[in-house]
Amino acid sequence: MSHNCFISFKKEDDAYRRKIVEKLGESRITGKSLDRWIDSDDIDYVMQVIRDEYMAGTTVTLFLIGSHSSENEGLDYEGRNKQAFIIRELQATLYDRIGNPRDGLLGIVLPEMEARIFGSSQICNHCGRPVTTLNLNDSSVIKEFSENYWLKKNACGHYDDGGRFAVLCKYSEFMNDPETYIDAAFDKTKQEISKLVHYKDIEHKGM
């Protein structure tokens, strides 16, 4: 089953967005980027507007992780978070209610960020599985992604696929086999780990 996608990206990464649209086909990208500030203190109202007007018909969000996709981009001249639109798009992705279920969340690491995010691998002494060091923090991604990637540790004390809601892959991996990663992100919405997804308690400067 193919899934319609929403792409959350910074303007600096538009070339990658266009290549993904070309790969998947324009009919699969049914959402449009947030282009206005929705002035309301009611977060549920804000999420509903974004889902209805910008993300209607999508079931998976593709979050392009480039060199300007981090939590630490700072504030603009009006004192508003420079990542405000991306933050709202990821929050709307995670938003869940009857008649408007949450989308899957797939982070696609662009080539220039691979060395900053992917570290070395080692074998866990307890389970014998390889564990890769990942630098998913405020210097590389938005909190809505990292905090829903690191959700639940396993019995060995590290995170495996069962303890993550967000899915992560490299751009080259995605372009080689996009459906596998899109399906994996969507499947997470049906798994037990989705019950631990959160965003309302995450705080940002200038929001």
Protein backbone atom coordinates (compact mmCIF):
# COMPACT_ATOMS: atom_id res chain seq x y z
CA MET A 1 0.00 0.00 0.00
CA SER A 2 1.42 3.39 -0.97
CA HIS A 3 1.10 6.30 1.44
CA ASN A 4 0.70 9.98 0.67
CA CYS A 5 3.42 12.10 2.22
CA PHE A 6 3.98 15.55 3.66
CA ILE A 7 7.53 16.94 3.42
CA SER A 8 8.81 19.13 6.25
CA PHE A 9 11.98 20.95 5.18
CA LYS A 10 14.01 24.14 5.33
CA LYS A 11 14.28 26.26 2.20
CA GLU A 12 18.01 25.50 2.03
CA ASP A 13 17.13 21.85 1.36
CA ASP A 14 14.60 22.42 -1.42
CA ALA A 15 16.81 20.68 -4.00
CA TYR A 16 16.52 17.45 -2.01
CA ARG A 17 12.77 17.96 -1.64
CA ARG A 18 12.39 18.29 -5.39
CA LYS A 19 14.36 15.08 -5.99
CA ILE A 20 12.13 13.22 -3.54
CA VAL A 21 8.99 14.56 -5.23
CA GLU A 22 10.39 13.42 -8.57
CA LYS A 23 11.14 9.99 -7.11
CA LEU A 24 7.73 9.47 -5.49
CA GLY A 25 5.62 11.39 -8.01
CA GLU A 26 3.76 14.64 -7.35
CA SER A 27 0.50 12.82 -6.68
CA ARG A 28 2.04 11.26 -3.54
CA ILE A 29 2.95 14.63 -1.99
CA THR A 30 -0.50 15.85 -1.04
CA GLY A 31 0.39 18.31 1.71
CA LYS A 32 1.76 21.84 1.45
CA SER A 33 4.27 23.62 3.68
CA LEU A 34 2.99 25.81 6.47
CA ASP A 35 3.14 29.42 5.29
CA ARG A 36 1.45 31.43 8.03
CA TRP A 37 1.42 31.73 11.79
CA ILE A 38 -1.86 30.47 13.28
CA ASP A 39 -2.47 32.87 16.15
CA SER A 40 -4.15 30.88 18.89
CA ASP A 41 -3.27 29.63 22.37
CA ASP A 42 -5.44 26.54 21.79
CA ILE A 43 -2.90 23.96 20.60
CA ASP A 44 -5.62 21.52 19.54
CA TYR A 45 -7.17 24.19 17.34
CA VAL A 46 -3.80 25.00 15.79
CA MET A 47 -3.11 21.33 15.11
CA GLN A 48 -6.54 20.82 13.56
CA VAL A 49 -6.10 23.80 11.22
CA ILE A 50 -2.70 22.52 10.06
CA ARG A 51 -4.01 18.99 9.53
CA ASP A 52 -7.08 20.22 7.64
CA GLU A 53 -5.47 22.96 5.52
CA TYR A 54 -1.90 21.77 5.03
CA MET A 55 -1.65 18.04 5.70
CA ALA A 56 -4.99 16.68 4.55
CA GLY A 57 -4.74 13.23 3.01
CA THR A 58 -1.22 12.49 4.24
CA THR A 59 -0.24 9.54 6.44
CA VAL A 60 3.55 9.96 6.69
CA THR A 61 5.70 13.06 7.22
CA LEU A 62 9.17 13.12 5.68
CA PHE A 63 11.38 15.35 7.83
CA LEU A 64 14.48 16.39 5.88
CA ILE A 65 17.37 16.66 8.33
CA GLY A 66 19.85 19.13 6.91
CA SER A 67 22.34 21.59 8.35
CA HIS A 68 19.53 24.05 9.27
CA SER A 69 17.07 21.56 10.79
CA SER A 70 18.19 21.75 14.43
CA GLU A 71 16.58 23.06 17.59
CA ASN A 72 19.41 25.59 18.01
CA GLU A 73 18.73 27.90 15.06
CA GLY A 74 17.71 30.70 17.44
CA LEU A 75 15.11 33.49 17.18
CA ASP A 76 14.22 35.89 14.38
CA TYR A 77 14.12 39.70 14.66
CA GLU A 78 10.59 39.51 16.10
CA GLY A 79 11.71 37.12 18.83
CA ARG A 80 9.96 34.15 17.27
CA ASN A 81 11.63 30.76 16.94
CA LYS A 82 13.21 30.41 13.49
CA GLN A 83 12.00 26.83 13.40
CA ALA A 84 8.41 27.72 14.29
CA PHE A 85 6.87 26.36 11.08
CA ILE A 86 8.90 23.12 11.17
CA ILE A 87 8.03 22.65 14.85
CA ARG A 88 4.32 23.09 14.12
CA GLU A 89 4.51 20.70 11.17
CA LEU A 90 6.09 17.99 13.32
CA GLN A 91 3.61 18.63 16.12
CA ALA A 92 0.74 18.28 13.66
CA THR A 93 2.30 15.04 12.44
CA LEU A 94 2.17 13.68 16.01
CA TYR A 95 -1.30 15.09 16.72
CA ASP A 96 -3.83 12.31 17.24
CA ARG A 97 -7.57 12.34 17.68
CA ILE A 98 -10.65 10.44 16.47
CA GLY A 99 -11.18 11.10 12.77
CA ASN A 100 -7.72 12.60 12.38
CA PRO A 101 -5.09 10.02 13.42
CA ARG A 102 -1.40 10.89 13.67
CA ASP A 103 0.98 10.39 10.77
CA GLY A 104 4.14 8.32 10.75
CA LEU A 105 7.35 10.33 11.13
CA LEU A 106 10.38 9.56 8.96
CA GLY A 107 13.61 11.50 9.38
CA ILE A 108 15.78 11.56 6.25
CA VAL A 109 19.38 12.55 6.99
CA LEU A 110 20.78 14.57 4.11
CA PRO A 111 24.37 13.83 2.96
CA GLU A 112 25.99 16.84 4.63
CA MET A 113 24.61 15.74 8.03
CA GLU A 114 25.53 12.05 7.96
CA ALA A 115 28.91 12.45 9.66
CA ARG A 116 27.37 14.63 12.38
CA ILE A 117 24.55 12.22 13.20
CA PHE A 118 25.83 8.70 12.59
CA GLY A 119 28.64 7.58 14.89
CA SER A 120 30.41 4.29 15.46
CA SER A 121 28.77 0.89 16.04
CA GLN A 122 29.49 -1.63 18.76
CA ILE A 123 28.02 -4.95 19.86
CA CYS A 124 25.88 -5.00 23.00
CA ASN A 125 27.41 -7.35 25.58
CA HIS A 126 23.97 -8.51 26.70
CA CYS A 127 21.90 -9.08 23.55
CA GLY A 128 24.69 -9.37 20.98
CA ARG A 129 23.06 -6.86 18.65
CA PRO A 130 24.92 -3.96 17.00
CA VAL A 131 24.25 -0.57 18.57
CA THR A 132 25.08 2.59 16.59
CA THR A 133 25.84 5.87 18.33
CA LEU A 134 23.45 8.53 17.03
CA ASN A 135 23.82 12.24 17.70
CA LEU A 136 20.15 13.17 17.67
CA ASN A 137 20.01 16.21 19.90
CA ASP A 138 19.26 19.94 19.83
CA SER A 139 22.29 20.61 17.63
CA SER A 140 21.02 18.32 14.88
CA VAL A 141 17.21 17.98 14.97
CA ILE A 142 13.97 19.44 16.31
CA LYS A 143 12.97 18.11 19.73
CA GLU A 144 9.72 16.65 18.41
CA PHE A 145 11.82 14.25 16.39
CA SER A 146 14.53 13.34 18.90
CA GLU A 147 12.18 12.93 21.85
CA ASN A 148 9.94 10.59 19.86
CA TYR A 149 12.92 8.65 18.57
CA TRP A 150 14.34 8.05 22.06
CA LEU A 151 11.17 6.82 23.76
CA LYS A 152 11.75 3.52 25.59
CA LYS A 153 14.94 1.63 26.45
CA ASN A 154 15.00 -2.15 26.16
CA ALA A 155 16.09 -4.63 28.85
CA CYS A 156 19.74 -4.05 27.92
CA GLY A 157 19.45 -0.34 28.64
CA HIS A 158 19.67 0.91 25.05
CA TYR A 159 17.12 1.84 22.42
CA ASP A 160 16.11 -0.55 19.67
CA ASP A 161 13.45 -0.35 16.99
CA GLY A 162 10.70 -1.35 19.39
CA GLY A 163 11.40 1.67 21.59
CA ARG A 164 11.20 4.27 18.85
CA PHE A 165 8.25 5.93 17.15
CA ALA A 166 10.19 8.08 14.69
CA VAL A 167 12.09 6.25 11.94
CA LEU A 168 15.51 7.36 10.67
CA CYS A 169 17.42 6.71 7.47
CA LYS A 170 20.05 8.25 5.22
CA TYR A 171 19.00 10.11 2.08
CA SER A 172 20.78 7.56 -0.13
CA GLU A 173 18.98 4.69 1.60
CA PHE A 174 15.64 6.39 1.15
CA MET A 175 16.17 7.16 -2.51
CA ASN A 176 17.21 3.56 -3.14
CA ASP A 177 14.10 2.08 -1.48
CA PRO A 178 11.62 4.76 -0.36
CA GLU A 179 8.63 2.49 0.15
CA THR A 180 10.38 0.37 2.78
CA TYR A 181 11.05 3.41 4.97
CA ILE A 182 7.68 5.08 4.34
CA ASP A 183 5.89 1.83 5.23
CA ALA A 184 8.03 1.45 8.36
CA ALA A 185 7.06 4.95 9.53
CA PHE A 186 3.37 4.34 8.88
CA ASP A 187 3.47 0.96 10.64
CA LYS A 188 4.69 2.70 13.81
CA THR A 189 1.30 4.43 14.10
CA LYS A 190 -0.30 1.01 14.67
CA GLN A 191 2.24 -0.25 17.22
CA GLU A 192 2.22 -0.04 21.02
CA ILE A 193 5.06 2.49 21.02
CA SER A 194 2.68 5.06 19.49
CA LYS A 195 0.98 5.32 22.90
CA LEU A 196 4.13 6.99 24.25
CA VAL A 197 4.27 9.70 21.56
CA HIS A 198 4.23 13.22 23.01
CA TYR A 199 4.63 16.84 21.95
CA LYS A 200 2.46 19.10 24.14
CA ASP A 201 4.98 18.96 26.98
CA ILE A 202 7.94 19.91 24.78
CA GLU A 203 9.01 23.53 25.25
CA HIS A 204 10.65 25.82 22.70
CA LYS A 205 11.98 29.35 22.94
CA GLY A 206 9.93 31.91 21.04
CA MET A 207 6.85 29.73 20.63
